[in-house]
Amino acid sequence: MLAPLQTGAARFSSYLLSRARKVLGSHLFSPCGVPEFCSISTRKLAAHGFGASMAAMVSFPPQRYHYFLVLDFEATCDKPQIHPQEIIEFPILKLNGRTMEIESTFHMYVQPVVHPQLTPFCTELTGIIQAMVDGQPSLQQVLERVDEWMAKEGLLDPNVKSIFVTCGDWDLKVMLPGQCQYLGLPVADYFKQWINLKKAYSFAMGCWPKNGLLDMNKGLSLQHIGRPHSGIGQSLRISPWQLDDCKNIANIMKTLAYRGFIFKQTSKPF
């Protein structure tokens, strides 16, 4: 009797999903902002006897990945630019691909070795002061910690599909491989494929976000978390701003997923 019961349950779920989609109609892929979309969807589904779980089921299409790993580096910098640049902050958010909610966080500061003294321009731009990087682990040590975190989170399981997400290609196409090459360090395979959120946004919305996160948040009617990444008028920080940038990326991803967007790898194979 088990197989017929399972088949019946699957048919019933399919029937409910079909009914819910008919109830939502054009609102399912409405171009309005996510809060309004959620409100409309929930009210319409509730009026027809559907609960919140069904609303979530309809709102999020199945993604290709179990987890999205949102990453956004800070690096040494100056005017004119110094070479080589070195990563000084290494944040990652683990985003559940089914719920699009944050499940875990990795964050470490990194001590630069080629240019160990941060420039005033770098501190003004990033908010990172010298004391935040002095005595911190080297990039090699941080990469080892990342690998340990990936293993602890089950992300190295071959049956778990995950991919990094960045705001642009610079972090994983230029910054990390460039510094690893300079230091003679290997680059783990999981850093060699990623989703450029700017490209994903342009595919979904039909326009390129020239000002990055600010344009994407504005285009999706989202409130920007934290301070815009700019050297104008910033004071020294007491908490990781890059985690704010990562949270902005996560919110944008969640909003696009609500609208039915399926995220795909944008990087080309190495």
C-alpha atoms as a PDB file:
ATOM      1  CA  MET A   1       0.000   0.000   0.000  1.00  0.00           C
ATOM      2  CA  LEU A   2       3.001   2.329   0.504  1.00  0.00           C
ATOM      3  CA  ALA A   3       3.663   3.060  -3.164  1.00  0.00           C
ATOM      4  CA  PRO A   4       0.015   3.954  -3.975  1.00  0.00           C
ATOM      5  CA  LEU A   5      -0.079   6.210  -0.892  1.00  0.00           C
ATOM      6  CA  GLN A   6       3.100   8.001  -1.958  1.00  0.00           C
ATOM      7  CA  THR A   7       1.769   8.397  -5.490  1.00  0.00           C
ATOM      8  CA  GLY A   8      -1.479   9.768  -4.143  1.00  0.00           C
ATOM      9  CA  ALA A   9       0.352  12.239  -1.921  1.00  0.00           C
ATOM     10  CA  ALA A  10       2.492  13.407  -4.810  1.00  0.00           C
ATOM     11  CA  ARG A  11      -0.586  13.903  -6.976  1.00  0.00           C
ATOM     12  CA  PHE A  12      -2.320  15.802  -4.178  1.00  0.00           C
ATOM     13  CA  SER A  13       0.733  18.106  -3.718  1.00  0.00           C
ATOM     14  CA  SER A  14       0.855  18.680  -7.451  1.00  0.00           C
ATOM     15  CA  TYR A  15      -2.858  19.476  -7.435  1.00  0.00           C
ATOM     16  CA  LEU A  16      -2.431  21.955  -4.544  1.00  0.00           C
ATOM     17  CA  LEU A  17       0.500  23.651  -6.251  1.00  0.00           C
ATOM     18  CA  SER A  18      -1.449  23.921  -9.491  1.00  0.00           C
ATOM     19  CA  ARG A  19      -4.417  25.417  -7.627  1.00  0.00           C
ATOM     20  CA  ALA A  20      -2.194  27.885  -5.795  1.00  0.00           C
ATOM     21  CA  ARG A  21      -0.579  29.049  -9.016  1.00  0.00           C
ATOM     22  CA  LYS A  22      -4.012  29.616 -10.536  1.00  0.00           C
ATOM     23  CA  VAL A  23      -5.013  31.630  -7.468  1.00  0.00           C
ATOM     24  CA  LEU A  24      -1.921  33.839  -7.711  1.00  0.00           C
ATOM     25  CA  GLY A  25      -2.143  34.228 -11.447  1.00  0.00           C
ATOM     26  CA  SER A  26      -0.053  37.109 -12.763  1.00  0.00           C
ATOM     27  CA  HIS A  27       1.188  38.042  -9.269  1.00  0.00           C
ATOM     28  CA  LEU A  28       3.504  35.012  -9.224  1.00  0.00           C
ATOM     29  CA  PHE A  29       6.001  36.756 -11.469  1.00  0.00           C
ATOM     30  CA  SER A  30       4.908  40.295 -10.725  1.00  0.00           C
ATOM     31  CA  PRO A  31       7.573  42.985 -11.189  1.00  0.00           C
ATOM     32  CA  CYS A  32       6.644  44.609  -7.888  1.00  0.00           C
ATOM     33  CA  GLY A  33       8.966  44.576  -4.870  1.00  0.00           C
ATOM     34  CA  VAL A  34       9.084  41.467  -2.735  1.00  0.00           C
ATOM     35  CA  PRO A  35       7.251  42.804   0.371  1.00  0.00           C
ATOM     36  CA  GLU A  36       4.254  43.763  -1.733  1.00  0.00           C
ATOM     37  CA  PHE A  37       4.440  40.486  -3.628  1.00  0.00           C
ATOM     38  CA  CYS A  38       4.525  38.461  -0.413  1.00  0.00           C
ATOM     39  CA  SER A  39       1.590  40.396   1.024  1.00  0.00           C
ATOM     40  CA  ILE A  40      -0.529  39.923  -2.090  1.00  0.00           C
ATOM     41  CA  SER A  41       0.420  36.249  -2.395  1.00  0.00           C
ATOM     42  CA  THR A  42      -0.235  35.441   1.261  1.00  0.00           C
ATOM     43  CA  ARG A  43      -3.604  37.221   1.291  1.00  0.00           C
ATOM     44  CA  LYS A  44      -4.770  35.569  -1.915  1.00  0.00           C
ATOM     45  CA  LEU A  45      -3.646  32.102  -0.837  1.00  0.00           C
ATOM     46  CA  ALA A  46      -5.128  32.511   2.661  1.00  0.00           C
ATOM     47  CA  ALA A  47      -8.449  33.554   1.143  1.00  0.00           C
ATOM     48  CA  HIS A  48      -8.506  30.237  -0.720  1.00  0.00           C
ATOM     49  CA  GLY A  49      -7.513  28.121   2.284  1.00  0.00           C
ATOM     50  CA  PHE A  50      -3.747  27.840   1.726  1.00  0.00           C
ATOM     51  CA  GLY A  51      -1.238  28.135   4.562  1.00  0.00           C
ATOM     52  CA  ALA A  52       2.157  29.843   4.749  1.00  0.00           C
ATOM     53  CA  SER A  53       4.054  26.693   3.756  1.00  0.00           C
ATOM     54  CA  MET A  54       2.211  26.571   0.454  1.00  0.00           C
ATOM     55  CA  ALA A  55       2.940  30.256  -0.107  1.00  0.00           C
ATOM     56  CA  ALA A  56       6.643  29.586   0.364  1.00  0.00           C
ATOM     57  CA  MET A  57       6.438  26.558  -1.914  1.00  0.00           C
ATOM     58  CA  VAL A  58       4.920  28.653  -4.680  1.00  0.00           C
ATOM     59  CA  SER A  59       7.199  31.656  -4.094  1.00  0.00           C
ATOM     60  CA  PHE A  60      10.534  29.863  -4.456  1.00  0.00           C
ATOM     61  CA  PRO A  61      11.224  27.835  -7.589  1.00  0.00           C
ATOM     62  CA  PRO A  62      13.692  24.958  -7.107  1.00  0.00           C
ATOM     63  CA  GLN A  63      17.275  26.212  -7.382  1.00  0.00           C
ATOM     64  CA  ARG A  64      20.158  24.249  -8.898  1.00  0.00           C
ATOM     65  CA  TYR A  65      22.213  24.447  -5.712  1.00  0.00           C
ATOM     66  CA  HIS A  66      21.668  23.331  -2.142  1.00  0.00           C
ATOM     67  CA  TYR A  67      23.679  26.296  -0.839  1.00  0.00           C
ATOM     68  CA  PHE A  68      24.912  29.653  -2.044  1.00  0.00           C
ATOM     69  CA  LEU A  69      28.122  30.956  -0.440  1.00  0.00           C
ATOM     70  CA  VAL A  70      28.067  34.741  -0.509  1.00  0.00           C
ATOM     71  CA  LEU A  71      31.569  36.224  -0.455  1.00  0.00           C
ATOM     72  CA  ASP A  72      32.902  39.800  -0.571  1.00  0.00           C
ATOM     73  CA  PHE A  73      36.572  40.584   0.114  1.00  0.00           C
ATOM     74  CA  GLU A  74      38.259  43.711   1.393  1.00  0.00           C
ATOM     75  CA  ALA A  75      41.853  44.246   0.252  1.00  0.00           C
ATOM     76  CA  THR A  76      44.765  46.624   0.730  1.00  0.00           C
ATOM     77  CA  CYS A  77      44.525  49.641  -1.556  1.00  0.00           C
ATOM     78  CA  ASP A  78      45.797  53.151  -2.210  1.00  0.00           C
ATOM     79  CA  LYS A  79      45.865  55.902  -4.838  1.00  0.00           C
ATOM     80  CA  PRO A  80      47.686  55.153  -7.068  1.00  0.00           C
ATOM     81  CA  GLN A  81      46.918  51.454  -6.554  1.00  0.00           C
ATOM     82  CA  ILE A  82      49.489  49.331  -4.727  1.00  0.00           C
ATOM     83  CA  HIS A  83      50.688  45.986  -6.070  1.00  0.00           C
ATOM     84  CA  PRO A  84      50.115  43.339  -5.100  1.00  0.00           C
ATOM     85  CA  GLN A  85      46.848  43.932  -3.314  1.00  0.00           C
ATOM     86  CA  GLU A  86      46.255  41.622  -0.354  1.00  0.00           C
ATOM     87  CA  ILE A  87      43.011  40.357   1.159  1.00  0.00           C
ATOM     88  CA  ILE A  88      42.468  41.802   4.646  1.00  0.00           C
ATOM     89  CA  GLU A  89      38.899  40.644   5.315  1.00  0.00           C
ATOM     90  CA  PHE A  90      37.397  37.277   4.362  1.00  0.00           C
ATOM     91  CA  PRO A  91      33.595  36.966   4.955  1.00  0.00           C
ATOM     92  CA  ILE A  92      31.234  34.202   3.762  1.00  0.00           C
ATOM     93  CA  LEU A  93      27.507  33.733   4.324  1.00  0.00           C
ATOM     94  CA  LYS A  94      26.016  30.272   3.819  1.00  0.00           C
ATOM     95  CA  LEU A  95      22.610  30.733   2.179  1.00  0.00           C
ATOM     96  CA  ASN A  96      20.125  27.852   2.039  1.00  0.00           C
ATOM     97  CA  GLY A  97      19.124  27.317  -1.596  1.00  0.00           C
ATOM     98  CA  ARG A  98      15.620  26.182  -0.658  1.00  0.00           C
ATOM     99  CA  THR A  99      14.657  28.891   1.836  1.00  0.00           C
ATOM    100  CA  MET A 100      17.200  31.568   0.785  1.00  0.00           C
ATOM    101  CA  GLU A 101      17.860  32.174   4.494  1.00  0.00           C
ATOM    102  CA  ILE A 102      21.315  32.595   6.090  1.00  0.00           C
ATOM    103  CA  GLU A 103      22.341  29.434   7.958  1.00  0.00           C
ATOM    104  CA  SER A 104      25.953  30.080   8.893  1.00  0.00           C
ATOM    105  CA  THR A 105      28.679  32.728   8.778  1.00  0.00           C
ATOM    106  CA  PHE A 106      32.457  32.659   8.327  1.00  0.00           C
ATOM    107  CA  HIS A 107      34.432  35.821   9.023  1.00  0.00           C
ATOM    108  CA  MET A 108      38.132  36.496   9.587  1.00  0.00           C
ATOM    109  CA  TYR A 109      40.537  39.399   9.196  1.00  0.00           C
ATOM    110  CA  VAL A 110      43.797  38.655   7.402  1.00  0.00           C
ATOM    111  CA  GLN A 111      47.239  40.114   8.062  1.00  0.00           C
ATOM    112  CA  PRO A 112      48.881  41.517   4.918  1.00  0.00           C
ATOM    113  CA  VAL A 113      52.568  40.606   4.522  1.00  0.00           C
ATOM    114  CA  VAL A 114      53.829  42.461   1.442  1.00  0.00           C
ATOM    115  CA  HIS A 115      52.379  45.817   2.529  1.00  0.00           C
ATOM    116  CA  PRO A 116      51.745  45.187   6.239  1.00  0.00           C
ATOM    117  CA  GLN A 117      50.906  48.829   6.993  1.00  0.00           C
ATOM    118  CA  LEU A 118      47.433  49.922   5.878  1.00  0.00           C
ATOM    119  CA  THR A 119      47.315  53.227   4.045  1.00  0.00           C
ATOM    120  CA  PRO A 120      45.073  56.089   5.203  1.00  0.00           C
ATOM    121  CA  PHE A 121      43.137  55.696   1.940  1.00  0.00           C
ATOM    122  CA  CYS A 122      42.504  51.997   2.689  1.00  0.00           C
ATOM    123  CA  THR A 123      41.264  52.752   6.196  1.00  0.00           C
ATOM    124  CA  GLU A 124      39.029  55.546   4.914  1.00  0.00           C
ATOM    125  CA  LEU A 125      37.564  53.337   2.193  1.00  0.00           C
ATOM    126  CA  THR A 126      37.100  50.111   4.168  1.00  0.00           C
ATOM    127  CA  GLY A 127      36.879  51.302   7.775  1.00  0.00           C
ATOM    128  CA  ILE A 128      39.529  48.724   8.715  1.00  0.00           C
ATOM    129  CA  ILE A 129      42.204  50.072  11.058  1.00  0.00           C
ATOM    130  CA  GLN A 130      45.686  48.705  11.591  1.00  0.00           C
ATOM    131  CA  ALA A 131      44.806  47.040  14.901  1.00  0.00           C
ATOM    132  CA  MET A 132      42.192  44.880  13.146  1.00  0.00           C
ATOM    133  CA  VAL A 133      44.780  43.151  10.952  1.00  0.00           C
ATOM    134  CA  ASP A 134      47.862  43.168  13.187  1.00  0.00           C
ATOM    135  CA  GLY A 135      48.461  39.706  14.605  1.00  0.00           C
ATOM    136  CA  GLN A 136      45.727  38.132  12.497  1.00  0.00           C
ATOM    137  CA  PRO A 137      46.286  34.867  10.575  1.00  0.00           C
ATOM    138  CA  SER A 138      48.008  34.896   7.189  1.00  0.00           C
ATOM    139  CA  LEU A 139      46.027  34.192   4.018  1.00  0.00           C
ATOM    140  CA  GLN A 140      47.325  30.610   4.001  1.00  0.00           C
ATOM    141  CA  GLN A 141      46.042  30.076   7.544  1.00  0.00           C
ATOM    142  CA  VAL A 142      42.684  31.679   6.745  1.00  0.00           C
ATOM    143  CA  LEU A 143      42.257  29.478   3.675  1.00  0.00           C
ATOM    144  CA  GLU A 144      42.882  26.454   5.901  1.00  0.00           C
ATOM    145  CA  ARG A 145      40.183  27.737   8.287  1.00  0.00           C
ATOM    146  CA  VAL A 146      37.803  28.205   5.360  1.00  0.00           C
ATOM    147  CA  ASP A 147      38.358  24.603   4.335  1.00  0.00           C
ATOM    148  CA  GLU A 148      37.686  23.436   7.909  1.00  0.00           C
ATOM    149  CA  TRP A 149      34.490  25.515   7.992  1.00  0.00           C
ATOM    150  CA  MET A 150      33.382  24.135   4.616  1.00  0.00           C
ATOM    151  CA  ALA A 151      33.892  20.589   5.923  1.00  0.00           C
ATOM    152  CA  LYS A 152      32.058  21.312   9.202  1.00  0.00           C
ATOM    153  CA  GLU A 153      29.104  22.759   7.274  1.00  0.00           C
ATOM    154  CA  GLY A 154      28.890  19.671   5.033  1.00  0.00           C
ATOM    155  CA  LEU A 155      29.804  21.677   1.933  1.00  0.00           C
ATOM    156  CA  LEU A 156      32.587  19.290   0.858  1.00  0.00           C
ATOM    157  CA  ASP A 157      30.149  16.371   0.588  1.00  0.00           C
ATOM    158  CA  PRO A 158      30.089  15.404  -3.133  1.00  0.00           C
ATOM    159  CA  ASN A 159      26.306  15.035  -2.885  1.00  0.00           C
ATOM    160  CA  VAL A 160      25.894  18.664  -1.763  1.00  0.00           C
ATOM    161  CA  LYS A 161      25.879  21.257  -4.526  1.00  0.00           C
ATOM    162  CA  SER A 162      27.113  24.699  -3.535  1.00  0.00           C
ATOM    163  CA  ILE A 163      28.530  27.708  -5.357  1.00  0.00           C
ATOM    164  CA  PHE A 164      30.066  31.038  -4.377  1.00  0.00           C
ATOM    165  CA  VAL A 165      28.259  34.285  -5.160  1.00  0.00           C
ATOM    166  CA  THR A 166      30.086  37.596  -5.543  1.00  0.00           C
ATOM    167  CA  CYS A 167      29.166  41.143  -6.562  1.00  0.00           C
ATOM    168  CA  GLY A 168      31.337  41.161  -9.673  1.00  0.00           C
ATOM    169  CA  ASP A 169      34.100  38.849 -10.908  1.00  0.00           C
ATOM    170  CA  TRP A 170      37.008  40.589  -9.147  1.00  0.00           C
ATOM    171  CA  ASP A 171      36.985  38.577  -5.888  1.00  0.00           C
ATOM    172  CA  LEU A 172      37.464  35.104  -7.379  1.00  0.00           C
ATOM    173  CA  LYS A 173      38.730  35.875 -10.879  1.00  0.00           C
ATOM    174  CA  VAL A 174      41.390  38.436  -9.955  1.00  0.00           C
ATOM    175  CA  MET A 175      41.979  38.966  -6.229  1.00  0.00           C
ATOM    176  CA  LEU A 176      42.179  35.481  -4.710  1.00  0.00           C
ATOM    177  CA  PRO A 177      43.970  33.672  -7.580  1.00  0.00           C
ATOM    178  CA  GLY A 178      46.341  36.620  -8.031  1.00  0.00           C
ATOM    179  CA  GLN A 179      47.392  36.688  -4.389  1.00  0.00           C
ATOM    180  CA  CYS A 180      47.645  32.898  -4.223  1.00  0.00           C
ATOM    181  CA  GLN A 181      49.877  32.895  -7.292  1.00  0.00           C
ATOM    182  CA  TYR A 182      52.090  35.588  -5.744  1.00  0.00           C
ATOM    183  CA  LEU A 183      52.404  33.601  -2.484  1.00  0.00           C
ATOM    184  CA  GLY A 184      52.719  30.202  -4.177  1.00  0.00           C
ATOM    185  CA  LEU A 185      49.479  28.894  -2.657  1.00  0.00           C
ATOM    186  CA  PRO A 186      47.030  26.491  -4.354  1.00  0.00           C
ATOM    187  CA  VAL A 187      43.475  27.657  -5.063  1.00  0.00           C
ATOM    188  CA  ALA A 188      40.821  25.162  -3.949  1.00  0.00           C
ATOM    189  CA  ASP A 189      38.509  23.949  -6.700  1.00  0.00           C
ATOM    190  CA  TYR A 190      35.423  25.320  -4.941  1.00  0.00           C
ATOM    191  CA  PHE A 191      36.757  28.857  -5.508  1.00  0.00           C
ATOM    192  CA  LYS A 192      36.944  28.294  -9.275  1.00  0.00           C
ATOM    193  CA  GLN A 193      33.248  28.592 -10.084  1.00  0.00           C
ATOM    194  CA  TRP A 194      30.902  31.319  -8.976  1.00  0.00           C
ATOM    195  CA  ILE A 195      27.842  33.433  -9.729  1.00  0.00           C
ATOM    196  CA  ASN A 196      28.415  37.110 -10.480  1.00  0.00           C
ATOM    197  CA  LEU A 197      25.334  38.745  -8.921  1.00  0.00           C
ATOM    198  CA  LYS A 198      25.578  41.711 -11.302  1.00  0.00           C
ATOM    199  CA  LYS A 199      25.207  39.353 -14.272  1.00  0.00           C
ATOM    200  CA  ALA A 200      22.374  37.426 -12.596  1.00  0.00           C
ATOM    201  CA  TYR A 201      20.562  40.701 -11.849  1.00  0.00           C
ATOM    202  CA  SER A 202      20.996  41.899 -15.435  1.00  0.00           C
ATOM    203  CA  PHE A 203      19.600  38.596 -16.757  1.00  0.00           C
ATOM    204  CA  ALA A 204      16.593  38.877 -14.439  1.00  0.00           C
ATOM    205  CA  MET A 205      15.887  42.609 -14.730  1.00  0.00           C
ATOM    206  CA  GLY A 206      17.155  43.447 -18.219  1.00  0.00           C
ATOM    207  CA  CYS A 207      19.536  46.222 -17.112  1.00  0.00           C
ATOM    208  CA  TRP A 208      23.108  46.417 -15.842  1.00  0.00           C
ATOM    209  CA  PRO A 209      23.620  47.692 -12.246  1.00  0.00           C
ATOM    210  CA  LYS A 210      26.366  50.270 -12.865  1.00  0.00           C
ATOM    211  CA  ASN A 211      26.607  51.148  -9.165  1.00  0.00           C
ATOM    212  CA  GLY A 212      26.512  47.564  -7.959  1.00  0.00           C
ATOM    213  CA  LEU A 213      24.593  46.862  -4.760  1.00  0.00           C
ATOM    214  CA  LEU A 214      23.096  50.368  -4.579  1.00  0.00           C
ATOM    215  CA  ASP A 215      21.511  50.038  -8.037  1.00  0.00           C
ATOM    216  CA  MET A 216      20.311  46.492  -7.389  1.00  0.00           C
ATOM    217  CA  ASN A 217      18.696  47.423  -4.078  1.00  0.00           C
ATOM    218  CA  LYS A 218      17.069  50.462  -5.681  1.00  0.00           C
ATOM    219  CA  GLY A 219      15.851  48.452  -8.669  1.00  0.00           C
ATOM    220  CA  LEU A 220      14.237  45.898  -6.346  1.00  0.00           C
ATOM    221  CA  SER A 221      12.890  48.470  -3.847  1.00  0.00           C
ATOM    222  CA  LEU A 222      15.074  47.071  -1.070  1.00  0.00           C
ATOM    223  CA  GLN A 223      16.533  48.934   1.886  1.00  0.00           C
ATOM    224  CA  HIS A 224      20.337  49.009   1.776  1.00  0.00           C
ATOM    225  CA  ILE A 225      21.872  47.317   4.832  1.00  0.00           C
ATOM    226  CA  GLY A 226      24.732  49.202   6.473  1.00  0.00           C
ATOM    227  CA  ARG A 227      26.681  51.973   4.786  1.00  0.00           C
ATOM    228  CA  PRO A 228      27.283  52.240   1.046  1.00  0.00           C
ATOM    229  CA  HIS A 229      30.828  51.111   0.181  1.00  0.00           C
ATOM    230  CA  SER A 230      32.404  54.528  -0.313  1.00  0.00           C
ATOM    231  CA  GLY A 231      35.306  56.418   1.194  1.00  0.00           C
ATOM    232  CA  ILE A 232      33.263  59.592   1.623  1.00  0.00           C
ATOM    233  CA  GLY A 233      32.266  60.404   5.177  1.00  0.00           C
ATOM    234  CA  GLN A 234      32.887  56.971   6.692  1.00  0.00           C
ATOM    235  CA  SER A 235      34.030  56.672  10.286  1.00  0.00           C
ATOM    236  CA  LEU A 236      36.042  53.788  11.707  1.00  0.00           C
ATOM    237  CA  ARG A 237      33.912  50.720  12.148  1.00  0.00           C
ATOM    238  CA  ILE A 238      33.442  48.486  15.133  1.00  0.00           C
ATOM    239  CA  SER A 239      31.718  45.664  13.249  1.00  0.00           C
ATOM    240  CA  PRO A 240      32.391  43.916   9.882  1.00  0.00           C
ATOM    241  CA  TRP A 241      30.881  46.017   7.095  1.00  0.00           C
ATOM    242  CA  GLN A 242      31.641  43.334   4.538  1.00  0.00           C
ATOM    243  CA  LEU A 243      29.088  41.143   6.290  1.00  0.00           C
ATOM    244  CA  ASP A 244      26.631  43.971   5.569  1.00  0.00           C
ATOM    245  CA  ASP A 245      27.612  43.785   1.896  1.00  0.00           C
ATOM    246  CA  CYS A 246      27.126  40.015   2.017  1.00  0.00           C
ATOM    247  CA  LYS A 247      23.699  40.498   3.624  1.00  0.00           C
ATOM    248  CA  ASN A 248      22.755  42.930   0.858  1.00  0.00           C
ATOM    249  CA  ILE A 249      23.765  40.320  -1.713  1.00  0.00           C
ATOM    250  CA  ALA A 250      21.705  37.681   0.133  1.00  0.00           C
ATOM    251  CA  ASN A 251      18.631  39.952   0.213  1.00  0.00           C
ATOM    252  CA  ILE A 252      18.924  40.662  -3.501  1.00  0.00           C
ATOM    253  CA  MET A 253      19.208  36.943  -4.229  1.00  0.00           C
ATOM    254  CA  LYS A 254      16.163  36.169  -2.099  1.00  0.00           C
ATOM    255  CA  THR A 255      14.145  38.844  -3.868  1.00  0.00           C
ATOM    256  CA  LEU A 256      15.095  37.563  -7.320  1.00  0.00           C
ATOM    257  CA  ALA A 257      14.289  33.998  -6.231  1.00  0.00           C
ATOM    258  CA  TYR A 258      10.825  35.152  -5.071  1.00  0.00           C
ATOM    259  CA  ARG A 259      10.310  36.463  -8.585  1.00  0.00           C
ATOM    260  CA  GLY A 260      11.076  33.074 -10.071  1.00  0.00           C
ATOM    261  CA  PHE A 261      14.719  33.578 -11.060  1.00  0.00           C
ATOM    262  CA  ILE A 262      16.907  30.455 -11.195  1.00  0.00           C
ATOM    263  CA  PHE A 263      20.562  31.176 -10.384  1.00  0.00           C
ATOM    264  CA  LYS A 264      23.199  29.670 -12.655  1.00  0.00           C
ATOM    265  CA  GLN A 265      26.986  29.739 -12.691  1.00  0.00           C
ATOM    266  CA  THR A 266      28.252  32.762 -14.619  1.00  0.00           C
ATOM    267  CA  SER A 267      32.015  32.174 -14.421  1.00  0.00           C
ATOM    268  CA  LYS A 268      33.812  30.380 -17.211  1.00  0.00           C
ATOM    269  CA  PRO A 269      35.794  27.205 -16.386  1.00  0.00           C
ATOM    270  CA  PHE A 270      39.423  27.837 -15.442  1.00  0.00           C
END
